[in-house]
Amino acid sequence: MQMTENIVEAFKSVYVMIIFLSLFLLSTNIDAAECYQDSDCPEDMCSYLAKPTCIFTEYFPIFWMAVCGCD
């Protein structure tokens, strides 16, 4: 019985870590800027070694959608 309780507690801990990690990742992506080319991205959005780039998220023959990200 004790082993089953330990396994349940381990699964609960993993689920809590997944929830908090996903909330952290979602909160860091909210302020993404839209862009059409790399020069549209703000220079100060990335850390020292990374540079801002335009990352395409959707592509259609006439219209494309992209957000700024760090490369």
C-alpha atoms as a PDB file:
ATOM      1  CA  MET A   1       0.000   0.000   0.000  1.00  0.00           C
ATOM      2  CA  GLN A   2       2.855   2.386   0.810  1.00  0.00           C
ATOM      3  CA  MET A   3       4.413   1.858  -2.637  1.00  0.00           C
ATOM      4  CA  THR A   4       1.162   2.803  -4.376  1.00  0.00           C
ATOM      5  CA  GLU A   5       0.937   6.030  -2.366  1.00  0.00           C
ATOM      6  CA  ASN A   6       4.519   6.925  -3.310  1.00  0.00           C
ATOM      7  CA  ILE A   7       3.783   6.393  -7.010  1.00  0.00           C
ATOM      8  CA  VAL A   8       0.660   8.559  -6.781  1.00  0.00           C
ATOM      9  CA  GLU A   9       2.646  11.335  -5.077  1.00  0.00           C
ATOM     10  CA  ALA A  10       5.316  11.130  -7.787  1.00  0.00           C
ATOM     11  CA  PHE A  11       2.701  11.461 -10.544  1.00  0.00           C
ATOM     12  CA  LYS A  12       1.116  14.420  -8.771  1.00  0.00           C
ATOM     13  CA  SER A  13       4.489  16.128  -8.555  1.00  0.00           C
ATOM     14  CA  VAL A  14       5.147  15.582 -12.265  1.00  0.00           C
ATOM     15  CA  TYR A  15       1.716  16.947 -13.192  1.00  0.00           C
ATOM     16  CA  VAL A  16       2.254  20.063 -11.059  1.00  0.00           C
ATOM     17  CA  MET A  17       5.663  20.668 -12.670  1.00  0.00           C
ATOM     18  CA  ILE A  18       4.161  20.317 -16.168  1.00  0.00           C
ATOM     19  CA  ILE A  19       1.375  22.791 -15.359  1.00  0.00           C
ATOM     20  CA  PHE A  20       3.758  25.401 -13.954  1.00  0.00           C
ATOM     21  CA  LEU A  21       6.228  24.962 -16.804  1.00  0.00           C
ATOM     22  CA  SER A  22       3.482  25.398 -19.412  1.00  0.00           C
ATOM     23  CA  LEU A  23       2.186  28.521 -17.646  1.00  0.00           C
ATOM     24  CA  PHE A  24       5.705  29.951 -17.595  1.00  0.00           C
ATOM     25  CA  LEU A  25       6.212  29.272 -21.302  1.00  0.00           C
ATOM     26  CA  LEU A  26       2.856  30.812 -22.205  1.00  0.00           C
ATOM     27  CA  SER A  27       3.542  33.929 -20.184  1.00  0.00           C
ATOM     28  CA  THR A  28       6.897  34.499 -21.910  1.00  0.00           C
ATOM     29  CA  ASN A  29       5.354  34.298 -25.392  1.00  0.00           C
ATOM     30  CA  ILE A  30       2.501  36.764 -24.892  1.00  0.00           C
ATOM     31  CA  ASP A  31       4.461  39.872 -25.869  1.00  0.00           C
ATOM     32  CA  ALA A  32       5.622  38.549 -29.249  1.00  0.00           C
ATOM     33  CA  ALA A  33       5.666  41.216 -31.961  1.00  0.00           C
ATOM     34  CA  GLU A  34       4.420  40.629 -35.493  1.00  0.00           C
ATOM     35  CA  CYS A  35       6.920  41.107 -38.307  1.00  0.00           C
ATOM     36  CA  TYR A  36       7.492  40.696 -42.032  1.00  0.00           C
ATOM     37  CA  GLN A  37      11.296  40.639 -41.988  1.00  0.00           C
ATOM     38  CA  ASP A  38      14.093  40.461 -39.405  1.00  0.00           C
ATOM     39  CA  SER A  39      14.524  44.232 -39.282  1.00  0.00           C
ATOM     40  CA  ASP A  40      10.943  44.635 -37.971  1.00  0.00           C
ATOM     41  CA  CYS A  41      11.886  42.965 -34.665  1.00  0.00           C
ATOM     42  CA  PRO A  42      13.037  45.132 -31.747  1.00  0.00           C
ATOM     43  CA  GLU A  43      16.772  44.932 -31.069  1.00  0.00           C
ATOM     44  CA  ASP A  44      16.428  44.731 -27.274  1.00  0.00           C
ATOM     45  CA  MET A  45      14.090  41.720 -27.101  1.00  0.00           C
ATOM     46  CA  CYS A  46      16.839  39.080 -27.024  1.00  0.00           C
ATOM     47  CA  SER A  47      19.712  38.338 -24.690  1.00  0.00           C
ATOM     48  CA  TYR A  48      23.339  39.202 -25.396  1.00  0.00           C
ATOM     49  CA  LEU A  49      24.211  36.304 -27.735  1.00  0.00           C
ATOM     50  CA  ALA A  50      20.857  35.847 -29.483  1.00  0.00           C
ATOM     51  CA  LYS A  51      19.609  38.056 -32.288  1.00  0.00           C
ATOM     52  CA  PRO A  52      15.966  38.808 -33.128  1.00  0.00           C
ATOM     53  CA  THR A  53      14.577  37.031 -36.180  1.00  0.00           C
ATOM     54  CA  CYS A  54      11.228  36.816 -37.883  1.00  0.00           C
ATOM     55  CA  ILE A  55       9.722  33.319 -37.406  1.00  0.00           C
ATOM     56  CA  PHE A  56       6.947  32.339 -39.806  1.00  0.00           C
ATOM     57  CA  THR A  57       4.024  30.648 -38.073  1.00  0.00           C
ATOM     58  CA  GLU A  58       1.521  30.406 -40.943  1.00  0.00           C
ATOM     59  CA  TYR A  59       2.024  30.575 -44.684  1.00  0.00           C
ATOM     60  CA  PHE A  60      -0.517  30.936 -47.463  1.00  0.00           C
ATOM     61  CA  PRO A  61       0.166  31.820 -51.124  1.00  0.00           C
ATOM     62  CA  ILE A  62      -0.932  35.438 -50.607  1.00  0.00           C
ATOM     63  CA  PHE A  63      -0.676  36.070 -46.849  1.00  0.00           C
ATOM     64  CA  TRP A  64       1.876  35.051 -44.227  1.00  0.00           C
ATOM     65  CA  MET A  65       1.983  35.560 -40.495  1.00  0.00           C
ATOM     66  CA  ALA A  66       5.159  35.770 -38.455  1.00  0.00           C
ATOM     67  CA  VAL A  67       6.293  36.754 -34.961  1.00  0.00           C
ATOM     68  CA  CYS A  68       9.610  37.952 -33.621  1.00  0.00           C
ATOM     69  CA  GLY A  69      11.751  35.418 -31.817  1.00  0.00           C
ATOM     70  CA  CYS A  70      15.326  34.974 -30.661  1.00  0.00           C
ATOM     71  CA  ASP A  71      17.775  32.906 -32.686  1.00  0.00           C
END
